mmCIF file of all heavy atoms, coordinates in Angstrom:
data_MODEL
# 
_entry.id   MODEL 
# 
loop_
_atom_site.group_PDB 
_atom_site.id 
_atom_site.type_symbol 
_atom_site.label_atom_id 
_atom_site.label_alt_id 
_atom_site.label_comp_id 
_atom_site.label_asym_id 
_atom_site.label_entity_id 
_atom_site.label_seq_id 
_atom_site.pdbx_PDB_ins_code 
_atom_site.Cartn_x 
_atom_site.Cartn_y 
_atom_site.Cartn_z 
_atom_site.occupancy 
_atom_site.B_iso_or_equiv 
_atom_site.pdbx_formal_charge 
_atom_site.auth_seq_id 
_atom_site.auth_comp_id 
_atom_site.auth_asym_id 
_atom_site.auth_atom_id 
_atom_site.pdbx_PDB_model_num 
ATOM 1   N N   . LYS A 1 1  ? 179.075 89.344 76.258 1.00 0.00 ? 1  LYS A N   1 
ATOM 2   C CA  . LYS A 1 1  ? 179.172 89.617 74.812 1.00 0.00 ? 1  LYS A CA  1 
ATOM 3   C C   . LYS A 1 1  ? 179.702 88.379 74.108 1.00 0.00 ? 1  LYS A C   1 
ATOM 4   O O   . LYS A 1 1  ? 180.822 87.971 74.351 1.00 0.00 ? 1  LYS A O   1 
ATOM 5   C CB  . LYS A 1 1  ? 180.095 90.813 74.542 1.00 0.00 ? 1  LYS A CB  1 
ATOM 6   C CG  . LYS A 1 1  ? 179.863 91.533 73.245 1.00 0.00 ? 1  LYS A CG  1 
ATOM 7   C CD  . LYS A 1 1  ? 180.600 92.851 73.233 1.00 0.00 ? 1  LYS A CD  1 
ATOM 8   C CE  . LYS A 1 1  ? 180.207 93.702 72.037 1.00 0.00 ? 1  LYS A CE  1 
ATOM 9   N NZ  . LYS A 1 1  ? 180.887 95.000 72.004 1.00 0.00 ? 1  LYS A NZ  1 
ATOM 10  N N   . THR A 1 2  ? 178.903 87.762 73.292 1.00 0.00 ? 2  THR A N   1 
ATOM 11  C CA  . THR A 1 2  ? 179.236 86.465 72.674 1.00 0.00 ? 2  THR A CA  1 
ATOM 12  C C   . THR A 1 2  ? 180.096 86.680 71.426 1.00 0.00 ? 2  THR A C   1 
ATOM 13  O O   . THR A 1 2  ? 180.176 87.768 70.854 1.00 0.00 ? 2  THR A O   1 
ATOM 14  C CB  . THR A 1 2  ? 177.977 85.701 72.270 1.00 0.00 ? 2  THR A CB  1 
ATOM 15  O OG1 . THR A 1 2  ? 177.367 86.392 71.175 1.00 0.00 ? 2  THR A OG1 1 
ATOM 16  C CG2 . THR A 1 2  ? 177.020 85.601 73.433 1.00 0.00 ? 2  THR A CG2 1 
ATOM 17  N N   . PHE A 1 3  ? 180.748 85.583 70.997 1.00 0.00 ? 3  PHE A N   1 
ATOM 18  C CA  . PHE A 1 3  ? 181.598 85.682 69.802 1.00 0.00 ? 3  PHE A CA  1 
ATOM 19  C C   . PHE A 1 3  ? 180.749 86.026 68.572 1.00 0.00 ? 3  PHE A C   1 
ATOM 20  O O   . PHE A 1 3  ? 181.218 86.643 67.639 1.00 0.00 ? 3  PHE A O   1 
ATOM 21  C CB  . PHE A 1 3  ? 182.475 84.452 69.591 1.00 0.00 ? 3  PHE A CB  1 
ATOM 22  C CG  . PHE A 1 3  ? 181.797 83.129 69.340 1.00 0.00 ? 3  PHE A CG  1 
ATOM 23  C CD1 . PHE A 1 3  ? 181.217 82.861 68.095 1.00 0.00 ? 3  PHE A CD1 1 
ATOM 24  C CD2 . PHE A 1 3  ? 181.689 82.168 70.306 1.00 0.00 ? 3  PHE A CD2 1 
ATOM 25  C CE1 . PHE A 1 3  ? 180.605 81.644 67.839 1.00 0.00 ? 3  PHE A CE1 1 
ATOM 26  C CE2 . PHE A 1 3  ? 181.108 80.950 70.086 1.00 0.00 ? 3  PHE A CE2 1 
ATOM 27  C CZ  . PHE A 1 3  ? 180.524 80.663 68.846 1.00 0.00 ? 3  PHE A CZ  1 
ATOM 28  N N   . SER A 1 4  ? 179.469 85.607 68.564 1.00 0.00 ? 4  SER A N   1 
ATOM 29  C CA  . SER A 1 4  ? 178.579 85.974 67.464 1.00 0.00 ? 4  SER A CA  1 
ATOM 30  C C   . SER A 1 4  ? 178.360 87.485 67.405 1.00 0.00 ? 4  SER A C   1 
ATOM 31  O O   . SER A 1 4  ? 178.440 88.122 66.329 1.00 0.00 ? 4  SER A O   1 
ATOM 32  C CB  . SER A 1 4  ? 177.217 85.302 67.625 1.00 0.00 ? 4  SER A CB  1 
ATOM 33  O OG  . SER A 1 4  ? 177.316 83.913 67.554 1.00 0.00 ? 4  SER A OG  1 
ATOM 34  N N   . GLU A 1 5  ? 178.139 88.098 68.580 1.00 0.00 ? 5  GLU A N   1 
ATOM 35  C CA  . GLU A 1 5  ? 177.939 89.545 68.648 1.00 0.00 ? 5  GLU A CA  1 
ATOM 36  C C   . GLU A 1 5  ? 179.195 90.321 68.246 1.00 0.00 ? 5  GLU A C   1 
ATOM 37  O O   . GLU A 1 5  ? 179.147 91.302 67.505 1.00 0.00 ? 5  GLU A O   1 
ATOM 38  C CB  . GLU A 1 5  ? 177.481 89.940 70.045 1.00 0.00 ? 5  GLU A CB  1 
ATOM 39  C CG  . GLU A 1 5  ? 177.093 91.402 70.186 1.00 0.00 ? 5  GLU A CG  1 
ATOM 40  C CD  . GLU A 1 5  ? 176.646 91.751 71.596 1.00 0.00 ? 5  GLU A CD  1 
ATOM 41  O OE1 . GLU A 1 5  ? 176.466 90.838 72.416 1.00 0.00 ? 5  GLU A OE1 1 
ATOM 42  O OE2 . GLU A 1 5  ? 176.429 92.973 71.837 1.00 0.00 ? 5  GLU A OE2 1 
ATOM 43  N N   . ILE A 1 6  ? 180.366 89.867 68.741 1.00 0.00 ? 6  ILE A N   1 
ATOM 44  C CA  . ILE A 1 6  ? 181.607 90.525 68.400 1.00 0.00 ? 6  ILE A CA  1 
ATOM 45  C C   . ILE A 1 6  ? 181.894 90.401 66.939 1.00 0.00 ? 6  ILE A C   1 
ATOM 46  O O   . ILE A 1 6  ? 182.325 91.371 66.270 1.00 0.00 ? 6  ILE A O   1 
ATOM 47  C CB  . ILE A 1 6  ? 182.773 89.923 69.250 1.00 0.00 ? 6  ILE A CB  1 
ATOM 48  C CG1 . ILE A 1 6  ? 182.532 90.146 70.728 1.00 0.00 ? 6  ILE A CG1 1 
ATOM 49  C CG2 . ILE A 1 6  ? 184.110 90.550 68.817 1.00 0.00 ? 6  ILE A CG2 1 
ATOM 50  C CD1 . ILE A 1 6  ? 183.456 89.362 71.621 1.00 0.00 ? 6  ILE A CD1 1 
ATOM 51  N N   . LEU A 1 7  ? 181.681 89.194 66.394 1.00 0.00 ? 7  LEU A N   1 
ATOM 52  C CA  . LEU A 1 7  ? 181.895 88.964 64.960 1.00 0.00 ? 7  LEU A CA  1 
ATOM 53  C C   . LEU A 1 7  ? 180.958 89.818 64.129 1.00 0.00 ? 7  LEU A C   1 
ATOM 54  O O   . LEU A 1 7  ? 181.339 90.366 63.070 1.00 0.00 ? 7  LEU A O   1 
ATOM 55  C CB  . LEU A 1 7  ? 181.678 87.472 64.643 1.00 0.00 ? 7  LEU A CB  1 
ATOM 56  C CG  . LEU A 1 7  ? 182.229 86.933 63.340 1.00 0.00 ? 7  LEU A CG  1 
ATOM 57  C CD1 . LEU A 1 7  ? 183.742 87.117 63.281 1.00 0.00 ? 7  LEU A CD1 1 
ATOM 58  C CD2 . LEU A 1 7  ? 181.875 85.470 63.187 1.00 0.00 ? 7  LEU A CD2 1 
ATOM 59  N N   . ASN A 1 8  ? 179.720 90.004 64.608 1.00 0.00 ? 8  ASN A N   1 
ATOM 60  C CA  . ASN A 1 8  ? 178.750 90.829 63.886 1.00 0.00 ? 8  ASN A CA  1 
ATOM 61  C C   . ASN A 1 8  ? 179.248 92.305 63.780 1.00 0.00 ? 8  ASN A C   1 
ATOM 62  O O   . ASN A 1 8  ? 178.973 92.998 62.768 1.00 0.00 ? 8  ASN A O   1 
ATOM 63  C CB  . ASN A 1 8  ? 177.419 90.768 64.580 1.00 0.00 ? 8  ASN A CB  1 
ATOM 64  C CG  . ASN A 1 8  ? 176.303 91.393 63.766 1.00 0.00 ? 8  ASN A CG  1 
ATOM 65  O OD1 . ASN A 1 8  ? 176.152 91.111 62.605 1.00 0.00 ? 8  ASN A OD1 1 
ATOM 66  N ND2 . ASN A 1 8  ? 175.529 92.289 64.387 1.00 0.00 ? 8  ASN A ND2 1 
ATOM 67  N N   . GLU A 1 9  ? 179.923 92.745 64.840 1.00 0.00 ? 9  GLU A N   1 
ATOM 68  C CA  . GLU A 1 9  ? 180.484 94.105 64.813 1.00 0.00 ? 9  GLU A CA  1 
ATOM 69  C C   . GLU A 1 9  ? 181.630 94.243 63.880 1.00 0.00 ? 9  GLU A C   1 
ATOM 70  O O   . GLU A 1 9  ? 181.875 95.311 63.305 1.00 0.00 ? 9  GLU A O   1 
ATOM 71  C CB  . GLU A 1 9  ? 180.880 94.526 66.248 1.00 0.00 ? 9  GLU A CB  1 
ATOM 72  C CG  . GLU A 1 9  ? 179.710 94.660 67.203 1.00 0.00 ? 9  GLU A CG  1 
ATOM 73  C CD  . GLU A 1 9  ? 180.145 94.846 68.624 1.00 0.00 ? 9  GLU A CD  1 
ATOM 74  O OE1 . GLU A 1 9  ? 181.361 94.805 68.902 1.00 0.00 ? 9  GLU A OE1 1 
ATOM 75  O OE2 . GLU A 1 9  ? 179.285 95.078 69.494 1.00 0.00 ? 9  GLU A OE2 1 
ATOM 76  N N   . LYS A 1 10 ? 182.366 93.151 63.681 1.00 0.00 ? 10 LYS A N   1 
ATOM 77  C CA  . LYS A 1 10 ? 183.571 93.195 62.834 1.00 0.00 ? 10 LYS A CA  1 
ATOM 78  C C   . LYS A 1 10 ? 183.216 93.078 61.351 1.00 0.00 ? 10 LYS A C   1 
ATOM 79  O O   . LYS A 1 10 ? 183.905 93.586 60.478 1.00 0.00 ? 10 LYS A O   1 
ATOM 80  C CB  . LYS A 1 10 ? 184.521 92.059 63.231 1.00 0.00 ? 10 LYS A CB  1 
ATOM 81  C CG  . LYS A 1 10 ? 185.278 92.245 64.519 1.00 0.00 ? 10 LYS A CG  1 
ATOM 82  C CD  . LYS A 1 10 ? 186.091 91.026 64.869 1.00 0.00 ? 10 LYS A CD  1 
ATOM 83  C CE  . LYS A 1 10 ? 187.060 91.283 65.995 1.00 0.00 ? 10 LYS A CE  1 
ATOM 84  N NZ  . LYS A 1 10 ? 188.173 92.165 65.614 1.00 0.00 ? 10 LYS A NZ  1 
ATOM 85  N N   . ILE A 1 11 ? 182.139 92.318 61.073 1.00 0.00 ? 11 ILE A N   1 
ATOM 86  C CA  . ILE A 1 11 ? 181.757 92.062 59.693 1.00 0.00 ? 11 ILE A CA  1 
ATOM 87  C C   . ILE A 1 11 ? 180.608 93.015 59.314 1.00 0.00 ? 11 ILE A C   1 
ATOM 88  O O   . ILE A 1 11 ? 179.516 92.933 59.905 1.00 0.00 ? 11 ILE A O   1 
ATOM 89  C CB  . ILE A 1 11 ? 181.305 90.598 59.485 1.00 0.00 ? 11 ILE A CB  1 
ATOM 90  C CG1 . ILE A 1 11 ? 182.431 89.636 59.828 1.00 0.00 ? 11 ILE A CG1 1 
ATOM 91  C CG2 . ILE A 1 11 ? 180.852 90.390 58.064 1.00 0.00 ? 11 ILE A CG2 1 
ATOM 92  C CD1 . ILE A 1 11 ? 182.051 88.188 59.792 1.00 0.00 ? 11 ILE A CD1 1 
ATOM 93  N N   . THR A 1 12 ? 180.830 93.858 58.376 1.00 0.00 ? 12 THR A N   1 
ATOM 94  C CA  . THR A 1 12 ? 179.781 94.826 57.994 1.00 0.00 ? 12 THR A CA  1 
ATOM 95  C C   . THR A 1 12 ? 178.967 94.339 56.817 1.00 0.00 ? 12 THR A C   1 
ATOM 96  O O   . THR A 1 12 ? 177.818 94.783 56.629 1.00 0.00 ? 12 THR A O   1 
ATOM 97  C CB  . THR A 1 12 ? 180.432 96.178 57.626 1.00 0.00 ? 12 THR A CB  1 
ATOM 98  O OG1 . THR A 1 12 ? 181.387 95.983 56.573 1.00 0.00 ? 12 THR A OG1 1 
ATOM 99  C CG2 . THR A 1 12 ? 181.121 96.785 58.850 1.00 0.00 ? 12 THR A CG2 1 
ATOM 100 N N   . LYS A 1 13 ? 179.531 93.411 56.048 1.00 0.00 ? 13 LYS A N   1 
ATOM 101 C CA  . LYS A 1 13 ? 178.879 92.937 54.844 1.00 0.00 ? 13 LYS A CA  1 
ATOM 102 C C   . LYS A 1 13 ? 177.674 92.009 55.123 1.00 0.00 ? 13 LYS A C   1 
ATOM 103 O O   . LYS A 1 13 ? 176.695 91.959 54.400 1.00 0.00 ? 13 LYS A O   1 
ATOM 104 C CB  . LYS A 1 13 ? 179.859 92.230 53.924 1.00 0.00 ? 13 LYS A CB  1 
ATOM 105 C CG  . LYS A 1 13 ? 179.342 91.864 52.543 1.00 0.00 ? 13 LYS A CG  1 
ATOM 106 C CD  . LYS A 1 13 ? 180.458 91.287 51.713 1.00 0.00 ? 13 LYS A CD  1 
ATOM 107 C CE  . LYS A 1 13 ? 179.992 90.923 50.312 1.00 0.00 ? 13 LYS A CE  1 
ATOM 108 N NZ  . LYS A 1 13 ? 181.068 90.305 49.485 1.00 0.00 ? 13 LYS A NZ  1 
ATOM 109 N N   . TYR A 1 14 ? 177.804 91.237 56.192 1.00 0.00 ? 14 TYR A N   1 
ATOM 110 C CA  . TYR A 1 14 ? 176.781 90.269 56.571 1.00 0.00 ? 14 TYR A CA  1 
ATOM 111 C C   . TYR A 1 14 ? 176.289 90.545 57.987 1.00 0.00 ? 14 TYR A C   1 
ATOM 112 O O   . TYR A 1 14 ? 176.921 91.291 58.744 1.00 0.00 ? 14 TYR A O   1 
ATOM 113 C CB  . TYR A 1 14 ? 177.306 88.845 56.498 1.00 0.00 ? 14 TYR A CB  1 
ATOM 114 C CG  . TYR A 1 14 ? 178.021 88.511 55.196 1.00 0.00 ? 14 TYR A CG  1 
ATOM 115 C CD1 . TYR A 1 14 ? 179.376 88.352 55.154 1.00 0.00 ? 14 TYR A CD1 1 
ATOM 116 C CD2 . TYR A 1 14 ? 177.296 88.393 54.016 1.00 0.00 ? 14 TYR A CD2 1 
ATOM 117 C CE1 . TYR A 1 14 ? 180.047 88.038 53.985 1.00 0.00 ? 14 TYR A CE1 1 
ATOM 118 C CE2 . TYR A 1 14 ? 177.958 88.096 52.822 1.00 0.00 ? 14 TYR A CE2 1 
ATOM 119 C CZ  . TYR A 1 14 ? 179.333 87.941 52.826 1.00 0.00 ? 14 TYR A CZ  1 
ATOM 120 O OH  . TYR A 1 14 ? 179.967 87.655 51.651 1.00 0.00 ? 14 TYR A OH  1 
ATOM 121 N N   . GLU A 1 15 ? 175.171 89.902 58.362 1.00 0.00 ? 15 GLU A N   1 
ATOM 122 C CA  . GLU A 1 15 ? 174.706 90.001 59.711 1.00 0.00 ? 15 GLU A CA  1 
ATOM 123 C C   . GLU A 1 15 ? 174.837 88.606 60.369 1.00 0.00 ? 15 GLU A C   1 
ATOM 124 O O   . GLU A 1 15 ? 174.440 87.624 59.775 1.00 0.00 ? 15 GLU A O   1 
ATOM 125 C CB  . GLU A 1 15 ? 173.246 90.432 59.747 1.00 0.00 ? 15 GLU A CB  1 
ATOM 126 C CG  . GLU A 1 15 ? 172.697 90.658 61.160 1.00 0.00 ? 15 GLU A CG  1 
ATOM 127 C CD  . GLU A 1 15 ? 171.306 91.240 61.169 1.00 0.00 ? 15 GLU A CD  1 
ATOM 128 O OE1 . GLU A 1 15 ? 170.573 91.057 60.191 1.00 0.00 ? 15 GLU A OE1 1 
ATOM 129 O OE2 . GLU A 1 15 ? 170.952 91.908 62.153 1.00 0.00 ? 15 GLU A OE2 1 
ATOM 130 N N   . VAL A 1 16 ? 175.426 88.550 61.543 1.00 0.00 ? 16 VAL A N   1 
ATOM 131 C CA  . VAL A 1 16 ? 175.681 87.308 62.253 1.00 0.00 ? 16 VAL A CA  1 
ATOM 132 C C   . VAL A 1 16 ? 174.549 87.088 63.271 1.00 0.00 ? 16 VAL A C   1 
ATOM 133 O O   . VAL A 1 16 ? 174.312 87.957 64.124 1.00 0.00 ? 16 VAL A O   1 
ATOM 134 C CB  . VAL A 1 16 ? 177.059 87.325 62.953 1.00 0.00 ? 16 VAL A CB  1 
ATOM 135 C CG1 . VAL A 1 16 ? 177.288 85.962 63.656 1.00 0.00 ? 16 VAL A CG1 1 
ATOM 136 C CG2 . VAL A 1 16 ? 178.170 87.601 61.961 1.00 0.00 ? 16 VAL A CG2 1 
ATOM 137 N N   . LEU A 1 17 ? 173.900 85.939 63.180 1.00 0.00 ? 17 LEU A N   1 
ATOM 138 C CA  . LEU A 1 17 ? 172.843 85.586 64.093 1.00 0.00 ? 17 LEU A CA  1 
ATOM 139 C C   . LEU A 1 17 ? 173.273 84.451 65.024 1.00 0.00 ? 17 LEU A C   1 
ATOM 140 O O   . LEU A 1 17 ? 173.931 83.527 64.578 1.00 0.00 ? 17 LEU A O   1 
ATOM 141 C CB  . LEU A 1 17 ? 171.570 85.137 63.337 1.00 0.00 ? 17 LEU A CB  1 
ATOM 142 C CG  . LEU A 1 17 ? 170.998 86.120 62.317 1.00 0.00 ? 17 LEU A CG  1 
ATOM 143 C CD1 . LEU A 1 17 ? 169.815 85.507 61.624 1.00 0.00 ? 17 LEU A CD1 1 
ATOM 144 C CD2 . LEU A 1 17 ? 170.624 87.422 63.006 1.00 0.00 ? 17 LEU A CD2 1 
ATOM 145 N N   . ASN A 1 18 ? 172.882 84.504 66.278 1.00 0.00 ? 18 ASN A N   1 
ATOM 146 C CA  . ASN A 1 18 ? 173.267 83.515 67.265 1.00 0.00 ? 18 ASN A CA  1 
ATOM 147 C C   . ASN A 1 18 ? 172.099 82.594 67.571 1.00 0.00 ? 18 ASN A C   1 
ATOM 148 O O   . ASN A 1 18 ? 171.209 82.931 68.339 1.00 0.00 ? 18 ASN A O   1 
ATOM 149 C CB  . ASN A 1 18 ? 173.724 84.208 68.552 1.00 0.00 ? 18 ASN A CB  1 
ATOM 150 C CG  . ASN A 1 18 ? 174.236 83.229 69.606 1.00 0.00 ? 18 ASN A CG  1 
ATOM 151 O OD1 . ASN A 1 18 ? 174.139 82.021 69.446 1.00 0.00 ? 18 ASN A OD1 1 
ATOM 152 N ND2 . ASN A 1 18 ? 174.793 83.769 70.677 1.00 0.00 ? 18 ASN A ND2 1 
ATOM 153 N N   . GLY A 1 19 ? 172.112 81.400 66.948 1.00 0.00 ? 19 GLY A N   1 
ATOM 154 C CA  . GLY A 1 19 ? 171.068 80.418 67.164 1.00 0.00 ? 19 GLY A CA  1 
ATOM 155 C C   . GLY A 1 19 ? 171.423 79.359 68.170 1.00 0.00 ? 19 GLY A C   1 
ATOM 156 O O   . GLY A 1 19 ? 170.780 78.285 68.200 1.00 0.00 ? 19 GLY A O   1 
ATOM 157 N N   . GLY A 1 20 ? 172.436 79.578 69.019 1.00 0.00 ? 20 GLY A N   1 
ATOM 158 C CA  . GLY A 1 20 ? 172.839 78.610 70.015 1.00 0.00 ? 20 GLY A CA  1 
ATOM 159 C C   . GLY A 1 20 ? 171.789 78.364 71.072 1.00 0.00 ? 20 GLY A C   1 
ATOM 160 O O   . GLY A 1 20 ? 171.145 79.326 71.546 1.00 0.00 ? 20 GLY A O   1 
ATOM 161 N N   . ILE A 1 21 ? 171.581 77.132 71.453 1.00 0.00 ? 21 ILE A N   1 
ATOM 162 C CA  . ILE A 1 21 ? 170.666 76.721 72.538 1.00 0.00 ? 21 ILE A CA  1 
ATOM 163 C C   . ILE A 1 21 ? 171.345 75.757 73.473 1.00 0.00 ? 21 ILE A C   1 
ATOM 164 O O   . ILE A 1 21 ? 171.848 74.726 73.038 1.00 0.00 ? 21 ILE A O   1 
ATOM 165 C CB  . ILE A 1 21 ? 169.376 76.085 71.951 1.00 0.00 ? 21 ILE A CB  1 
ATOM 166 C CG1 . ILE A 1 21 ? 168.664 77.022 70.972 1.00 0.00 ? 21 ILE A CG1 1 
ATOM 167 C CG2 . ILE A 1 21 ? 168.432 75.687 73.102 1.00 0.00 ? 21 ILE A CG2 1 
ATOM 168 C CD1 . ILE A 1 21 ? 167.414 76.415 70.337 1.00 0.00 ? 21 ILE A CD1 1 
ATOM 169 N N   . GLY A 1 22 ? 171.369 76.097 74.758 1.00 0.00 ? 22 GLY A N   1 
ATOM 170 C CA  . GLY A 1 22 ? 172.014 75.244 75.748 1.00 0.00 ? 22 GLY A CA  1 
ATOM 171 C C   . GLY A 1 22 ? 171.368 73.897 75.898 1.00 0.00 ? 22 GLY A C   1 
ATOM 172 O O   . GLY A 1 22 ? 170.158 73.744 75.699 1.00 0.00 ? 22 GLY A O   1 
ATOM 173 N N   . ASN A 1 23 ? 172.161 72.894 76.192 1.00 0.00 ? 23 ASN A N   1 
ATOM 174 C CA  . ASN A 1 23 ? 171.727 71.498 76.463 1.00 0.00 ? 23 ASN A CA  1 
ATOM 175 C C   . ASN A 1 23 ? 171.130 70.840 75.236 1.00 0.00 ? 23 ASN A C   1 
ATOM 176 O O   . ASN A 1 23 ? 170.283 69.942 75.331 1.00 0.00 ? 23 ASN A O   1 
ATOM 177 C CB  . ASN A 1 23 ? 170.703 71.484 77.612 1.00 0.00 ? 23 ASN A CB  1 
ATOM 178 C CG  . ASN A 1 23 ? 171.225 72.083 78.883 1.00 0.00 ? 23 ASN A CG  1 
ATOM 179 O OD1 . ASN A 1 23 ? 170.777 73.159 79.283 1.00 0.00 ? 23 ASN A OD1 1 
ATOM 180 N ND2 . ASN A 1 23 ? 172.189 71.459 79.489 1.00 0.00 ? 23 ASN A ND2 1 
ATOM 181 N N   . THR A 1 24 ? 171.580 71.253 74.058 1.00 0.00 ? 24 THR A N   1 
ATOM 182 C CA  . THR A 1 24 ? 171.163 70.567 72.826 1.00 0.00 ? 24 THR A CA  1 
ATOM 183 C C   . THR A 1 24 ? 172.385 69.898 72.218 1.00 0.00 ? 24 THR A C   1 
ATOM 184 O O   . THR A 1 24 ? 173.521 70.327 72.449 1.00 0.00 ? 24 THR A O   1 
ATOM 185 C CB  . THR A 1 24 ? 170.591 71.567 71.794 1.00 0.00 ? 24 THR A CB  1 
ATOM 186 O OG1 . THR A 1 24 ? 171.526 72.578 71.464 1.00 0.00 ? 24 THR A OG1 1 
ATOM 187 C CG2 . THR A 1 24 ? 169.317 72.198 72.353 1.00 0.00 ? 24 THR A CG2 1 
ATOM 188 N N   . ASN A 1 25 ? 172.133 68.878 71.389 1.00 0.00 ? 25 ASN A N   1 
ATOM 189 C CA  . ASN A 1 25 ? 173.245 68.287 70.619 1.00 0.00 ? 25 ASN A CA  1 
ATOM 190 C C   . ASN A 1 25 ? 173.130 68.681 69.164 1.00 0.00 ? 25 ASN A C   1 
ATOM 191 O O   . ASN A 1 25 ? 172.201 69.374 68.756 1.00 0.00 ? 25 ASN A O   1 
ATOM 192 C CB  . ASN A 1 25 ? 173.265 66.744 70.815 1.00 0.00 ? 25 ASN A CB  1 
ATOM 193 C CG  . ASN A 1 25 ? 172.006 66.064 70.296 1.00 0.00 ? 25 ASN A CG  1 
ATOM 194 O OD1 . ASN A 1 25 ? 171.283 66.586 69.420 1.00 0.00 ? 25 ASN A OD1 1 
ATOM 195 N ND2 . ASN A 1 25 ? 171.677 64.893 70.812 1.00 0.00 ? 25 ASN A ND2 1 
ATOM 196 N N   . THR A 1 26 ? 174.085 68.230 68.357 1.00 0.00 ? 26 THR A N   1 
ATOM 197 C CA  . THR A 1 26 ? 174.122 68.618 66.950 1.00 0.00 ? 26 THR A CA  1 
ATOM 198 C C   . THR A 1 26 ? 172.885 68.210 66.185 1.00 0.00 ? 26 THR A C   1 
ATOM 199 O O   . THR A 1 26 ? 172.377 68.960 65.355 1.00 0.00 ? 26 THR A O   1 
ATOM 200 C CB  . THR A 1 26 ? 175.397 68.044 66.295 1.00 0.00 ? 26 THR A CB  1 
ATOM 201 O OG1 . THR A 1 26 ? 176.562 68.640 66.937 1.00 0.00 ? 26 THR A OG1 1 
ATOM 202 C CG2 . THR A 1 26 ? 175.455 68.344 64.829 1.00 0.00 ? 26 THR A CG2 1 
ATOM 203 N N   . LYS A 1 27 ? 172.397 67.012 66.452 1.00 0.00 ? 27 LYS A N   1 
ATOM 204 C CA  . LYS A 1 27 ? 171.169 66.510 65.790 1.00 0.00 ? 27 LYS A CA  1 
ATOM 205 C C   . LYS A 1 27 ? 170.018 67.459 66.034 1.00 0.00 ? 27 LYS A C   1 
ATOM 206 O O   . LYS A 1 27 ? 169.260 67.801 65.114 1.00 0.00 ? 27 LYS A O   1 
ATOM 207 C CB  . LYS A 1 27 ? 170.830 65.104 66.268 1.00 0.00 ? 27 LYS A CB  1 
ATOM 208 C CG  . LYS A 1 27 ? 171.756 63.997 65.822 1.00 0.00 ? 27 LYS A CG  1 
ATOM 209 C CD  . LYS A 1 27 ? 171.459 62.698 66.566 1.00 0.00 ? 27 LYS A CD  1 
ATOM 210 C CE  . LYS A 1 27 ? 170.001 62.294 66.515 1.00 0.00 ? 27 LYS A CE  1 
ATOM 211 N NZ  . LYS A 1 27 ? 169.700 61.076 67.292 1.00 0.00 ? 27 LYS A NZ  1 
# 
């Protein structure tokens, strides 16, 4: 269970999406 998913359960006003991709950099 990721922090995005947990945060999504805590915040009812917005929906939290997890766009993380392994082995990528910020650029």
